[in-house]
Amino acid sequence: MYDVNPDTRARLMRISTATLATLLYKRGLRNQFIQGVTRLSRSADNMVGPAFTLRYMPAREDRNGLEVFRNREHPQRKAIEECPPGAVMVFDSRKDARAASAGGILVSRLKERGVAGVVTDGGFRDSAEIAGLGIPAYQQKPSAPTNLTLHEAIDINVPIGCGDAPVFPGDILVGDADGVIVIPAGIADEVAEQALEMTIFEDFVMETVRSGRSILGLYPPTDEQSLKDFDVWRQKNGL
């Protein structure tokens, strides 16, 4: 479940979430972009990895005292230690950032274990610290209160919603400066290959537009000459 084809990973590291959103839209998948999250970390590299999930539910006061963290089987603590290297830890915090999903110590532990990134539709505490760790991190907004204030960690590695997007364990997450998109695991290889082709064409379009050419007949390439020009450009650039 947590093995990503190395070629697929390498391709997705080069592809924008915007391009992936368009390709998924063509396949009828319109709700794959995680809404309301922004990149906290300063890294310019894409985040790519299969989803490992943690689901929070609304906290009930008699179940969420600080003493619950003494239990080594506590779902939040257990998830941090079980998230596989190369995976993306995804928190379903019900889009509620009034209490943190995790903080700097837990995210540091994920980084040291080789996790590819962290995503929450809530917030992280110690946000400035997390921003400097070098692990891709996405959140709605910073949040200082402990998760126990409003959230109870209840399920590990089950289907969740994150920012209104469905996330199933093993789905491939890609994050860039625009946000995070979810690719169903079964089509990830095919989508990555198609997206790379689309990216090459869009690079040609961008260069052509910057030279002063109109987008009409170029994007989309409804003029036959546009496709001929693309073939010439591609050969010239060894693509």
Protein backbone atom coordinates (compact mmCIF):
# COMPACT_ATOMS: atom_id res chain seq x y z
CA MET A 1 0.00 0.00 0.00
CA TYR A 2 2.87 2.37 0.75
CA ASP A 3 5.13 1.59 -2.18
CA VAL A 4 5.11 4.27 -4.87
CA ASN A 5 6.54 3.42 -8.28
CA PRO A 6 9.87 5.33 -8.34
CA ASP A 7 9.13 6.65 -11.84
CA THR A 8 5.72 7.85 -10.70
CA ARG A 9 7.21 9.60 -7.68
CA ALA A 10 9.87 11.27 -9.84
CA ARG A 11 7.24 12.50 -12.31
CA LEU A 12 4.95 13.83 -9.60
CA MET A 13 7.82 15.76 -8.07
CA ARG A 14 7.84 17.85 -11.28
CA ILE A 15 4.08 18.33 -11.74
CA SER A 16 1.85 21.08 -10.36
CA THR A 17 -1.36 20.43 -8.46
CA ALA A 18 -3.09 22.62 -11.06
CA THR A 19 -2.11 20.24 -13.88
CA LEU A 20 -3.16 17.24 -11.81
CA ALA A 21 -6.51 18.86 -10.97
CA THR A 22 -7.23 19.32 -14.68
CA LEU A 23 -6.36 15.71 -15.50
CA LEU A 24 -8.51 14.40 -12.65
CA TYR A 25 -11.33 16.68 -13.79
CA LYS A 26 -11.13 15.08 -17.25
CA ARG A 27 -11.66 11.73 -15.51
CA GLY A 28 -14.76 13.04 -13.72
CA LEU A 29 -13.00 13.51 -10.36
CA ARG A 30 -13.84 17.04 -9.23
CA ASN A 31 -13.35 16.95 -5.48
CA GLN A 32 -9.73 15.86 -5.06
CA PHE A 33 -8.17 19.17 -3.97
CA ILE A 34 -7.95 19.63 -0.20
CA GLN A 35 -9.68 22.91 0.51
CA GLY A 36 -8.51 25.58 2.91
CA VAL A 37 -4.92 24.49 3.56
CA THR A 38 -1.70 26.35 2.79
CA ARG A 39 1.94 25.34 2.89
CA LEU A 40 3.62 26.17 6.17
CA SER A 41 7.10 24.94 5.30
CA ARG A 42 9.39 27.02 3.13
CA SER A 43 10.56 24.19 0.89
CA ALA A 44 10.00 24.73 -2.83
CA ASP A 45 9.99 21.00 -3.59
CA ASN A 46 6.78 19.07 -4.14
CA MET A 47 5.45 16.80 -1.43
CA VAL A 48 4.68 13.32 -2.81
CA GLY A 49 3.63 10.22 -0.89
CA PRO A 50 0.85 7.76 -0.07
CA ALA A 51 -1.67 8.76 2.58
CA PHE A 52 -1.54 7.44 6.14
CA THR A 53 -4.54 8.81 7.99
CA LEU A 54 -5.68 9.80 11.47
CA ARG A 55 -9.31 10.66 12.17
CA TYR A 56 -10.38 12.98 14.95
CA MET A 57 -13.92 13.22 16.32
CA PRO A 58 -15.40 15.86 18.62
CA ALA A 59 -13.88 15.52 22.09
CA ARG A 60 -15.93 14.57 25.13
CA GLU A 61 -14.56 16.03 28.33
CA ASP A 62 -14.65 12.81 30.41
CA ARG A 63 -12.44 11.02 27.86
CA ASN A 64 -9.80 13.63 27.06
CA GLY A 65 -7.71 14.50 30.10
CA LEU A 66 -3.96 14.87 29.69
CA GLU A 67 -3.51 11.45 31.27
CA VAL A 68 -4.64 9.75 28.04
CA PHE A 69 -1.20 10.47 26.56
CA ARG A 70 0.31 8.02 29.06
CA ASN A 71 -1.34 5.23 27.08
CA ARG A 72 1.08 3.97 24.42
CA GLU A 73 -1.90 2.85 22.37
CA HIS A 74 -3.37 6.35 22.19
CA PRO A 75 -4.30 6.71 18.50
CA GLN A 76 -2.50 10.02 17.97
CA ARG A 77 0.76 8.80 19.50
CA LYS A 78 0.45 5.41 17.83
CA ALA A 79 -0.14 7.00 14.41
CA ILE A 80 3.03 9.09 14.74
CA GLU A 81 5.08 5.93 15.39
CA GLU A 82 3.37 3.82 12.70
CA CYS A 83 3.23 6.22 9.76
CA PRO A 84 5.58 4.60 7.23
CA PRO A 85 8.68 6.34 5.87
CA GLY A 86 7.81 8.03 2.58
CA ALA A 87 4.11 8.34 3.47
CA VAL A 88 2.16 11.55 4.09
CA MET A 89 0.48 11.84 7.49
CA VAL A 90 -3.03 13.22 6.94
CA PHE A 91 -5.20 14.48 9.81
CA ASP A 92 -8.99 14.70 9.58
CA SER A 93 -9.60 17.53 12.02
CA ARG A 94 -13.10 18.32 10.74
CA LYS A 95 -11.83 21.65 9.35
CA ASP A 96 -11.66 22.88 12.95
CA ALA A 97 -8.47 24.79 13.80
CA ARG A 98 -9.58 25.91 17.24
CA ALA A 99 -7.37 23.14 18.67
CA ALA A 100 -4.16 21.77 17.23
CA SER A 101 -3.89 18.53 15.27
CA ALA A 102 -0.27 18.10 16.40
CA GLY A 103 2.73 20.18 17.40
CA GLY A 104 6.42 20.61 16.84
CA ILE A 105 7.57 17.53 18.79
CA LEU A 106 5.27 15.13 16.94
CA VAL A 107 6.04 16.61 13.54
CA SER A 108 9.77 16.46 14.35
CA ARG A 109 9.34 12.77 15.14
CA LEU A 110 7.63 12.23 11.79
CA LYS A 111 10.49 13.99 10.03
CA GLU A 112 13.11 11.87 11.78
CA ARG A 113 11.22 8.74 10.77
CA GLY A 114 11.39 9.75 7.10
CA VAL A 115 7.76 10.73 6.57
CA ALA A 116 7.22 12.68 3.32
CA GLY A 117 4.92 15.37 4.75
CA VAL A 118 2.02 16.29 7.04
CA VAL A 119 -1.41 17.69 6.16
CA THR A 120 -4.25 18.83 8.39
CA ASP A 121 -7.47 20.65 7.64
CA GLY A 122 -7.14 22.07 11.15
CA GLY A 123 -4.04 23.69 12.62
CA PHE A 124 -0.65 22.92 14.10
CA ARG A 125 0.78 24.37 17.29
CA ASP A 126 4.44 25.48 17.20
CA SER A 127 3.85 26.58 13.61
CA ALA A 128 7.03 28.68 13.32
CA GLU A 129 9.08 25.73 14.56
CA ILE A 130 7.43 23.34 12.10
CA ALA A 131 8.02 25.79 9.26
CA GLY A 132 11.74 25.52 9.88
CA LEU A 133 11.95 21.73 10.12
CA GLY A 134 12.22 21.14 6.38
CA ILE A 135 9.33 18.66 6.22
CA PRO A 136 6.45 19.70 3.92
CA ALA A 137 3.57 20.78 6.16
CA TYR A 138 0.10 22.07 5.27
CA GLN A 139 -2.51 23.50 7.61
CA GLN A 140 -5.54 25.74 7.75
CA LYS A 141 -4.01 28.15 10.30
CA PRO A 142 -1.89 28.05 13.48
CA SER A 143 -3.52 26.78 16.66
CA ALA A 144 -2.01 26.78 20.16
CA PRO A 145 -4.53 24.70 22.21
CA THR A 146 -3.82 20.99 22.64
CA ASN A 147 -5.84 18.68 20.42
CA LEU A 148 -7.54 17.27 23.52
CA THR A 149 -9.43 20.55 23.91
CA LEU A 150 -11.72 19.77 20.98
CA HIS A 151 -10.50 16.62 19.20
CA GLU A 152 -10.33 12.97 20.18
CA ALA A 153 -8.07 10.80 18.03
CA ILE A 154 -10.25 7.81 17.27
CA ASP A 155 -9.15 5.91 14.12
CA ILE A 156 -5.85 5.20 12.38
CA ASN A 157 -5.51 4.56 8.66
CA VAL A 158 -9.18 4.60 7.71
CA PRO A 159 -10.93 6.56 4.94
CA ILE A 160 -11.28 10.19 6.01
CA GLY A 161 -12.31 13.58 4.75
CA CYS A 162 -9.66 16.29 4.78
CA GLY A 163 -10.66 19.75 3.64
CA ASP A 164 -13.77 18.23 2.03
CA ALA A 165 -11.69 15.85 -0.11
CA PRO A 166 -11.99 12.07 0.32
CA VAL A 167 -8.71 10.46 1.33
CA PHE A 168 -8.29 6.69 1.38
CA PRO A 169 -5.20 5.04 2.87
CA GLY A 170 -2.62 4.64 0.14
CA ASP A 171 -3.98 7.40 -2.10
CA ILE A 172 -1.14 9.49 -3.48
CA LEU A 173 -0.92 13.06 -2.18
CA VAL A 174 0.91 15.77 -4.08
CA GLY A 175 1.54 19.16 -2.52
CA ASP A 176 2.99 22.36 -3.96
CA ALA A 177 2.68 26.09 -3.34
CA ASP A 178 -1.01 26.02 -4.35
CA GLY A 179 -2.00 23.26 -1.93
CA VAL A 180 -2.56 19.50 -1.83
CA ILE A 181 -4.35 17.17 -4.24
CA VAL A 182 -5.34 13.53 -3.76
CA ILE A 183 -4.82 11.00 -6.58
CA PRO A 184 -6.67 7.68 -6.17
CA ALA A 185 -4.00 5.01 -5.76
CA GLY A 186 -5.22 2.82 -8.62
CA ILE A 187 -4.69 5.49 -11.29
CA ALA A 188 -1.61 7.26 -9.92
CA ASP A 189 0.89 5.75 -12.38
CA GLU A 190 -1.25 6.59 -15.40
CA VAL A 191 -2.09 10.08 -14.18
CA ALA A 192 1.57 10.85 -13.48
CA GLU A 193 2.57 9.81 -17.00
CA GLN A 194 -0.20 11.86 -18.61
CA ALA A 195 0.55 14.83 -16.37
CA LEU A 196 4.19 14.87 -17.41
CA GLU A 197 3.14 15.03 -21.07
CA MET A 198 0.72 17.83 -20.24
CA THR A 199 3.43 19.70 -18.34
CA ILE A 200 5.82 19.50 -21.30
CA PHE A 201 3.13 20.95 -23.57
CA GLU A 202 2.32 23.71 -21.07
CA ASP A 203 6.02 24.62 -20.89
CA PHE A 204 5.95 25.05 -24.66
CA VAL A 205 2.78 27.17 -24.42
CA MET A 206 4.29 29.39 -21.72
CA GLU A 207 7.44 29.99 -23.73
CA THR A 208 5.37 30.73 -26.84
CA VAL A 209 3.02 33.13 -25.02
CA ARG A 210 5.99 34.97 -23.54
CA SER A 211 7.27 35.48 -27.08
CA GLY A 212 4.09 37.42 -27.82
CA ARG A 213 1.82 34.83 -29.44
CA SER A 214 -1.94 34.75 -28.83
CA ILE A 215 -3.44 31.87 -26.87
CA LEU A 216 -6.15 31.47 -29.53
CA GLY A 217 -5.51 28.27 -31.43
CA LEU A 218 -2.58 27.55 -29.13
CA TYR A 219 -4.18 26.77 -25.80
CA PRO A 220 -5.98 24.50 -26.49
CA PRO A 221 -4.07 23.66 -29.70
CA THR A 222 -6.97 23.86 -32.14
CA ASP A 223 -4.70 25.15 -34.92
CA GLU A 224 -2.73 22.41 -36.68
CA GLN A 225 0.27 24.74 -36.84
CA SER A 226 0.40 24.84 -33.03
CA LEU A 227 0.95 21.09 -32.88
CA LYS A 228 3.60 21.29 -35.60
CA ASP A 229 5.36 24.05 -33.69
CA PHE A 230 5.18 21.96 -30.52
CA ASP A 231 6.82 18.98 -32.27
CA VAL A 232 9.65 21.21 -33.47
CA TRP A 233 10.09 22.76 -30.01
CA ARG A 234 10.06 19.35 -28.34
CA GLN A 235 12.73 17.94 -30.64
CA LYS A 236 14.85 21.04 -30.18
CA ASN A 237 14.69 20.65 -26.40
CA GLY A 238 15.24 16.88 -26.41
CA LEU A 239 11.84 16.15 -24.91
